[in-house]
C-alpha atoms as a PDB file:
ATOM      1  CA  MET A   1     -39.332   8.404  28.845  1.00  0.00           C
ATOM      2  CA  ASN A   2     -42.757   8.421  27.190  1.00  0.00           C
ATOM      3  CA  ARG A   3     -43.876   6.479  24.148  1.00  0.00           C
ATOM      4  CA  LYS A   4     -43.587   9.425  21.744  1.00  0.00           C
ATOM      5  CA  GLU A   5     -39.942  10.110  22.718  1.00  0.00           C
ATOM      6  CA  PHE A   6     -39.081   6.335  22.515  1.00  0.00           C
ATOM      7  CA  MET A   7     -40.488   6.142  18.933  1.00  0.00           C
ATOM      8  CA  ARG A   8     -38.552   9.308  17.931  1.00  0.00           C
ATOM      9  CA  ILE A   9     -35.266   7.859  19.180  1.00  0.00           C
ATOM     10  CA  THR A  10     -35.923   4.485  17.679  1.00  0.00           C
ATOM     11  CA  LEU A  11     -36.900   5.907  14.239  1.00  0.00           C
ATOM     12  CA  ALA A  12     -33.781   8.196  14.276  1.00  0.00           C
ATOM     13  CA  GLY A  13     -31.617   5.105  14.945  1.00  0.00           C
ATOM     14  CA  ILE A  14     -33.284   3.130  12.122  1.00  0.00           C
ATOM     15  CA  GLY A  15     -32.760   6.052   9.815  1.00  0.00           C
ATOM     16  CA  ASN A  16     -29.044   6.157  10.673  1.00  0.00           C
ATOM     17  CA  LEU A  17     -28.733   2.401   9.982  1.00  0.00           C
ATOM     18  CA  ILE A  18     -30.345   2.813   6.597  1.00  0.00           C
ATOM     19  CA  ALA A  19     -28.066   5.785   5.614  1.00  0.00           C
ATOM     20  CA  LEU A  20     -24.900   4.038   6.950  1.00  0.00           C
ATOM     21  CA  PRO A  21     -24.109   1.949   3.748  1.00  0.00           C
ATOM     22  CA  SER A  22     -23.977   5.157   1.637  1.00  0.00           C
ATOM     23  CA  CYS A  23     -21.671   6.736   4.168  1.00  0.00           C
ATOM     24  CA  VAL A  24     -19.360   3.734   4.383  1.00  0.00           C
ATOM     25  CA  SER A  25     -18.659   3.718   0.682  1.00  0.00           C
ATOM     26  CA  THR A  26     -17.054   7.175   0.965  1.00  0.00           C
ATOM     27  CA  ILE A  27     -14.749   6.218   3.784  1.00  0.00           C
ATOM     28  CA  ASN A  28     -11.077   5.918   2.881  1.00  0.00           C
ATOM     29  CA  PRO A  29      -9.718   2.627   4.095  1.00  0.00           C
ATOM     30  CA  TYR A  30      -6.108   3.943   4.173  1.00  0.00           C
ATOM     31  CA  ARG A  31      -4.330   5.680   6.942  1.00  0.00           C
ATOM     32  CA  PHE A  32      -1.946   7.752   4.814  1.00  0.00           C
ATOM     33  CA  PHE A  33      -2.854   7.440   1.163  1.00  0.00           C
ATOM     34  CA  THR A  34      -5.836   8.932  -0.539  1.00  0.00           C
ATOM     35  CA  GLY A  35      -7.738   6.477  -2.758  1.00  0.00           C
ATOM     36  CA  GLU A  36      -6.037   7.873  -5.954  1.00  0.00           C
ATOM     37  CA  GLU A  37      -2.556   7.651  -4.372  1.00  0.00           C
ATOM     38  CA  ALA A  38      -3.273   4.065  -3.278  1.00  0.00           C
ATOM     39  CA  LYS A  39      -4.260   3.101  -6.864  1.00  0.00           C
ATOM     40  CA  CYS A  40      -1.007   4.429  -8.140  1.00  0.00           C
ATOM     41  CA  ILE A  41       1.083   2.598  -5.415  1.00  0.00           C
ATOM     42  CA  ILE A  42      -0.845  -0.607  -6.024  1.00  0.00           C
ATOM     43  CA  ALA A  43      -0.076  -0.428  -9.805  1.00  0.00           C
ATOM     44  CA  LEU A  44       3.623   0.337  -9.027  1.00  0.00           C
ATOM     45  CA  SER A  45       4.015  -2.519  -6.582  1.00  0.00           C
ATOM     46  CA  GLU A  46       2.228  -4.932  -8.987  1.00  0.00           C
ATOM     47  CA  GLN A  47       4.860  -3.984 -11.550  1.00  0.00           C
ATOM     48  CA  ILE A  48       7.595  -4.812  -9.046  1.00  0.00           C
ATOM     49  CA  ILE A  49       6.148  -8.087  -7.900  1.00  0.00           C
ATOM     50  CA  PRO A  50       3.536  -9.163 -10.530  1.00  0.00           C
ATOM     51  CA  ALA A  51       1.199 -12.099 -10.172  1.00  0.00           C
ATOM     52  CA  ASP A  52       1.889 -15.055 -12.478  1.00  0.00           C
ATOM     53  CA  ASP A  53       0.145 -18.303 -13.239  1.00  0.00           C
ATOM     54  CA  GLU A  54       1.383 -19.946 -10.054  1.00  0.00           C
ATOM     55  CA  TRP A  55       1.732 -17.240  -7.401  1.00  0.00           C
ATOM     56  CA  PRO A  56      -0.118 -14.033  -6.551  1.00  0.00           C
ATOM     57  CA  GLY A  57       1.693 -10.712  -6.664  1.00  0.00           C
ATOM     58  CA  ALA A  58       2.023  -7.629  -4.522  1.00  0.00           C
ATOM     59  CA  THR A  59      -1.667  -6.781  -4.643  1.00  0.00           C
ATOM     60  CA  TYR A  60      -2.781 -10.044  -3.117  1.00  0.00           C
ATOM     61  CA  ALA A  61      -0.025  -9.919  -0.575  1.00  0.00           C
ATOM     62  CA  GLY A  62      -1.366  -6.574   0.730  1.00  0.00           C
ATOM     63  CA  VAL A  63       1.806  -4.579  -0.017  1.00  0.00           C
ATOM     64  CA  ILE A  64      -0.360  -1.372  -0.180  1.00  0.00           C
ATOM     65  CA  ASN A  65      -1.526  -2.095   3.345  1.00  0.00           C
ATOM     66  CA  TYR A  66       2.041  -2.639   4.557  1.00  0.00           C
ATOM     67  CA  ILE A  67       3.340   0.633   3.003  1.00  0.00           C
ATOM     68  CA  ASP A  68       0.345   2.608   4.211  1.00  0.00           C
ATOM     69  CA  LYS A  69       0.649   1.313   7.740  1.00  0.00           C
ATOM     70  CA  GLN A  70       4.412   1.788   7.833  1.00  0.00           C
ATOM     71  CA  LEU A  71       4.148   5.421   6.631  1.00  0.00           C
ATOM     72  CA  VAL A  72       2.186   6.401   9.707  1.00  0.00           C
ATOM     73  CA  GLU A  73       4.148   4.320  12.114  1.00  0.00           C
ATOM     74  CA  VAL A  74       7.780   3.831  10.939  1.00  0.00           C
ATOM     75  CA  PHE A  75       8.474   5.519   7.659  1.00  0.00           C
ATOM     76  CA  ILE A  76       7.224   8.941   8.777  1.00  0.00           C
ATOM     77  CA  GLU A  77      10.246  10.669   7.189  1.00  0.00           C
ATOM     78  CA  ASP A  78       9.195   9.237   3.793  1.00  0.00           C
ATOM     79  CA  GLN A  79       5.707  10.762   3.795  1.00  0.00           C
ATOM     80  CA  ALA A  80       6.666  13.908   1.893  1.00  0.00           C
ATOM     81  CA  LYS A  81       8.659  11.834  -0.607  1.00  0.00           C
ATOM     82  CA  TYR A  82       5.594   9.636  -1.282  1.00  0.00           C
ATOM     83  CA  ARG A  83       3.228  12.653  -1.650  1.00  0.00           C
ATOM     84  CA  GLU A  84       5.570  14.477  -4.007  1.00  0.00           C
ATOM     85  CA  GLY A  85       6.651  11.391  -5.874  1.00  0.00           C
ATOM     86  CA  ILE A  86       3.140  10.172  -6.581  1.00  0.00           C
ATOM     87  CA  LEU A  87       2.005  13.639  -7.652  1.00  0.00           C
ATOM     88  CA  ALA A  88       5.067  14.086  -9.918  1.00  0.00           C
ATOM     89  CA  LEU A  89       4.640  10.567 -11.361  1.00  0.00           C
ATOM     90  CA  GLN A  90       0.945  11.213 -12.163  1.00  0.00           C
ATOM     91  CA  LEU A  91       1.633  14.673 -13.676  1.00  0.00           C
ATOM     92  CA  THR A  92       4.488  13.400 -15.810  1.00  0.00           C
ATOM     93  CA  ARG A  93       2.452  10.395 -16.922  1.00  0.00           C
ATOM     94  CA  ARG A  94      -0.568  12.552 -17.813  1.00  0.00           C
ATOM     95  CA  LYS A  95       1.694  14.966 -19.727  1.00  0.00           C
ATOM     96  CA  MET A  96       3.120  12.086 -21.793  1.00  0.00           C
ATOM     97  CA  LEU A  97      -0.039   9.998 -22.503  1.00  0.00           C
ATOM     98  CA  GLY A  98      -2.972  11.825 -20.978  1.00  0.00           C
ATOM     99  CA  LYS A  99      -3.748   9.031 -18.406  1.00  0.00           C
ATOM    100  CA  SER A 100      -2.865   8.352 -14.817  1.00  0.00           C
ATOM    101  CA  PHE A 101      -0.339   5.566 -14.128  1.00  0.00           C
ATOM    102  CA  ASP A 102      -2.879   3.010 -12.888  1.00  0.00           C
ATOM    103  CA  GLU A 103      -5.065   3.465 -16.000  1.00  0.00           C
ATOM    104  CA  LEU A 104      -2.262   2.343 -18.362  1.00  0.00           C
ATOM    105  CA  LYS A 105      -1.762  -1.227 -19.688  1.00  0.00           C
ATOM    106  CA  PHE A 106       0.826  -3.282 -17.913  1.00  0.00           C
ATOM    107  CA  ASP A 107       3.442  -3.125 -20.708  1.00  0.00           C
ATOM    108  CA  VAL A 108       3.067   0.664 -21.052  1.00  0.00           C
ATOM    109  CA  GLN A 109       3.609   0.969 -17.245  1.00  0.00           C
ATOM    110  CA  THR A 110       6.664  -1.183 -17.518  1.00  0.00           C
ATOM    111  CA  GLU A 111       8.153   0.957 -20.327  1.00  0.00           C
ATOM    112  CA  PHE A 112       7.443   4.138 -18.329  1.00  0.00           C
ATOM    113  CA  LEU A 113       9.138   2.771 -15.189  1.00  0.00           C
ATOM    114  CA  HIS A 114      12.265   1.883 -17.117  1.00  0.00           C
ATOM    115  CA  LYS A 115      12.513   5.539 -18.035  1.00  0.00           C
ATOM    116  CA  LEU A 116      11.739   6.615 -14.476  1.00  0.00           C
ATOM    117  CA  GLU A 117      14.404   4.291 -13.117  1.00  0.00           C
ATOM    118  CA  LYS A 118      16.985   5.861 -15.456  1.00  0.00           C
ATOM    119  CA  ASN A 119      15.750   9.438 -14.808  1.00  0.00           C
ATOM    120  CA  GLU A 120      14.792   9.735 -18.444  1.00  0.00           C
ATOM    121  CA  VAL A 121      11.462  11.422 -17.819  1.00  0.00           C
ATOM    122  CA  SER A 122      10.715  15.158 -17.810  1.00  0.00           C
ATOM    123  CA  ARG A 123      12.007  16.705 -14.613  1.00  0.00           C
ATOM    124  CA  ASP A 124       9.317  19.468 -14.692  1.00  0.00           C
ATOM    125  CA  HIS A 125       7.412  18.050 -11.805  1.00  0.00           C
ATOM    126  CA  TRP A 126      10.290  16.433  -9.844  1.00  0.00           C
ATOM    127  CA  GLN A 127      11.437  19.273  -7.605  1.00  0.00           C
ATOM    128  CA  ASN A 128      13.028  17.789  -4.581  1.00  0.00           C
ATOM    129  CA  TYR A 129      13.784  14.167  -5.561  1.00  0.00           C
ATOM    130  CA  LYS A 130      15.069  12.363  -8.646  1.00  0.00           C
ATOM    131  CA  PRO A 131      12.490  10.023 -10.225  1.00  0.00           C
ATOM    132  CA  SER A 132      14.786   7.064  -9.587  1.00  0.00           C
ATOM    133  CA  ASP A 133      15.020   7.958  -5.881  1.00  0.00           C
ATOM    134  CA  PHE A 134      11.207   7.688  -5.624  1.00  0.00           C
ATOM    135  CA  PHE A 135      11.095   4.474  -7.658  1.00  0.00           C
ATOM    136  CA  ASN A 136      13.814   2.763  -5.642  1.00  0.00           C
ATOM    137  CA  MET A 137      12.072   3.688  -2.377  1.00  0.00           C
ATOM    138  CA  VAL A 138       8.858   2.164  -3.644  1.00  0.00           C
ATOM    139  CA  ILE A 139      10.799  -0.945  -4.744  1.00  0.00           C
ATOM    140  CA  ASN A 140      12.419  -1.304  -1.270  1.00  0.00           C
ATOM    141  CA  HIS A 141       9.065  -0.888   0.499  1.00  0.00           C
ATOM    142  CA  THR A 142       7.276  -3.213  -1.891  1.00  0.00           C
ATOM    143  CA  MET A 143       9.816  -6.010  -1.204  1.00  0.00           C
ATOM    144  CA  GLN A 144       9.532  -5.445   2.518  1.00  0.00           C
ATOM    145  CA  GLY A 145       5.785  -5.657   2.384  1.00  0.00           C
ATOM    146  CA  PHE A 146       5.921  -8.845   0.282  1.00  0.00           C
ATOM    147  CA  TYR A 147       8.621 -10.702   2.220  1.00  0.00           C
ATOM    148  CA  SER A 148       8.161  -9.481   5.816  1.00  0.00           C
ATOM    149  CA  SER A 149       6.058 -11.079   8.505  1.00  0.00           C
ATOM    150  CA  PRO A 150       2.259 -10.553   8.085  1.00  0.00           C
ATOM    151  CA  ARG A 151       2.193  -8.940  11.436  1.00  0.00           C
ATOM    152  CA  HIS A 152       3.614  -5.836   9.775  1.00  0.00           C
ATOM    153  CA  GLY A 153       0.699  -5.447   7.383  1.00  0.00           C
ATOM    154  CA  GLY A 154       1.782  -7.288   4.239  1.00  0.00           C
ATOM    155  CA  ASN A 155       2.578 -10.883   3.057  1.00  0.00           C
ATOM    156  CA  ARG A 156      -1.070 -12.007   3.429  1.00  0.00           C
ATOM    157  CA  ASN A 157      -1.346 -15.676   4.240  1.00  0.00           C
ATOM    158  CA  TYR A 158       2.447 -15.950   4.192  1.00  0.00           C
ATOM    159  CA  VAL A 159       2.279 -15.950   0.347  1.00  0.00           C
ATOM    160  CA  SER A 160       6.007 -15.208  -0.072  1.00  0.00           C
ATOM    161  CA  TYR A 161       7.000 -17.855   2.506  1.00  0.00           C
ATOM    162  CA  ARG A 162       4.892 -20.467   0.654  1.00  0.00           C
ATOM    163  CA  MET A 163       6.404 -19.343  -2.677  1.00  0.00           C
ATOM    164  CA  LEU A 164       9.894 -19.778  -1.380  1.00  0.00           C
ATOM    165  CA  ASP A 165       8.969 -22.980   0.465  1.00  0.00           C
ATOM    166  CA  LEU A 166       9.962 -21.627   3.856  1.00  0.00           C
ATOM    167  CA  ASP A 167       8.598 -22.588   7.194  1.00  0.00           C
ATOM    168  CA  TYR A 168       6.458 -19.955   8.899  1.00  0.00           C
ATOM    169  CA  PRO A 169       8.535 -18.376  11.659  1.00  0.00           C
ATOM    170  CA  LEU A 170       7.063 -18.915  15.074  1.00  0.00           C
ATOM    171  CA  ILE A 171       7.134 -15.773  17.064  1.00  0.00           C
ATOM    172  CA  VAL A 172       6.668 -16.680  20.697  1.00  0.00           C
ATOM    173  CA  GLY A 173       8.427 -13.806  22.291  1.00  0.00           C
ATOM    174  CA  GLN A 174      11.941 -13.456  23.409  1.00  0.00           C
ATOM    175  CA  ASN A 175      13.861 -16.693  23.254  1.00  0.00           C
ATOM    176  CA  ARG A 176      16.083 -16.855  26.194  1.00  0.00           C
ATOM    177  CA  TYR A 177      18.520 -19.704  26.617  1.00  0.00           C
ATOM    178  CA  ARG A 178      19.955 -20.710  29.860  1.00  0.00           C
ATOM    179  CA  GLY A 179      23.516 -21.724  30.254  1.00  0.00           C
ATOM    180  CA  VAL A 180      24.724 -24.956  31.835  1.00  0.00           C
ATOM    181  CA  ASN A 181      24.252 -23.559  35.269  1.00  0.00           C
ATOM    182  CA  GLY A 182      20.792 -22.144  34.576  1.00  0.00           C
ATOM    183  CA  GLU A 183      22.212 -18.638  34.102  1.00  0.00           C
END
């Protein structure tokens, strides 16, 4: 390799490093959700487990990470329900107040979710599922993400265990006990 070729390769590498930060900002950090879908689920889960003066809520606990991870690993059958539910929720919300769910104030979100839970919202955009079915699924997954082991993607820093004053479970592998005769 001559000096001219070495300089060309080096400068190309430096140019890529300079351009990298602008590329990174457009990368979606989620496996399943788009950025807009994630904002909606974050707002929903924060409604279900809100932060208070003493304890953080679903957002801090990483519930969005848990749900996102599980949708590509375990809850694959729920993918369509999430896609359709988020779209229907946003379309219904925009039709009523002209804003997406995550842009609304907390108390307005709460009022809307009460209607969603009782299926008292327009069914124009809810084709395959009842609004309450979608909402109940998000409640279940939010609770799982908040209270499960952090190894599943949620419950950052064991926040729910600390809140409930529980010991951290030690996962060492399979616990096998031997009988009296070593069997």
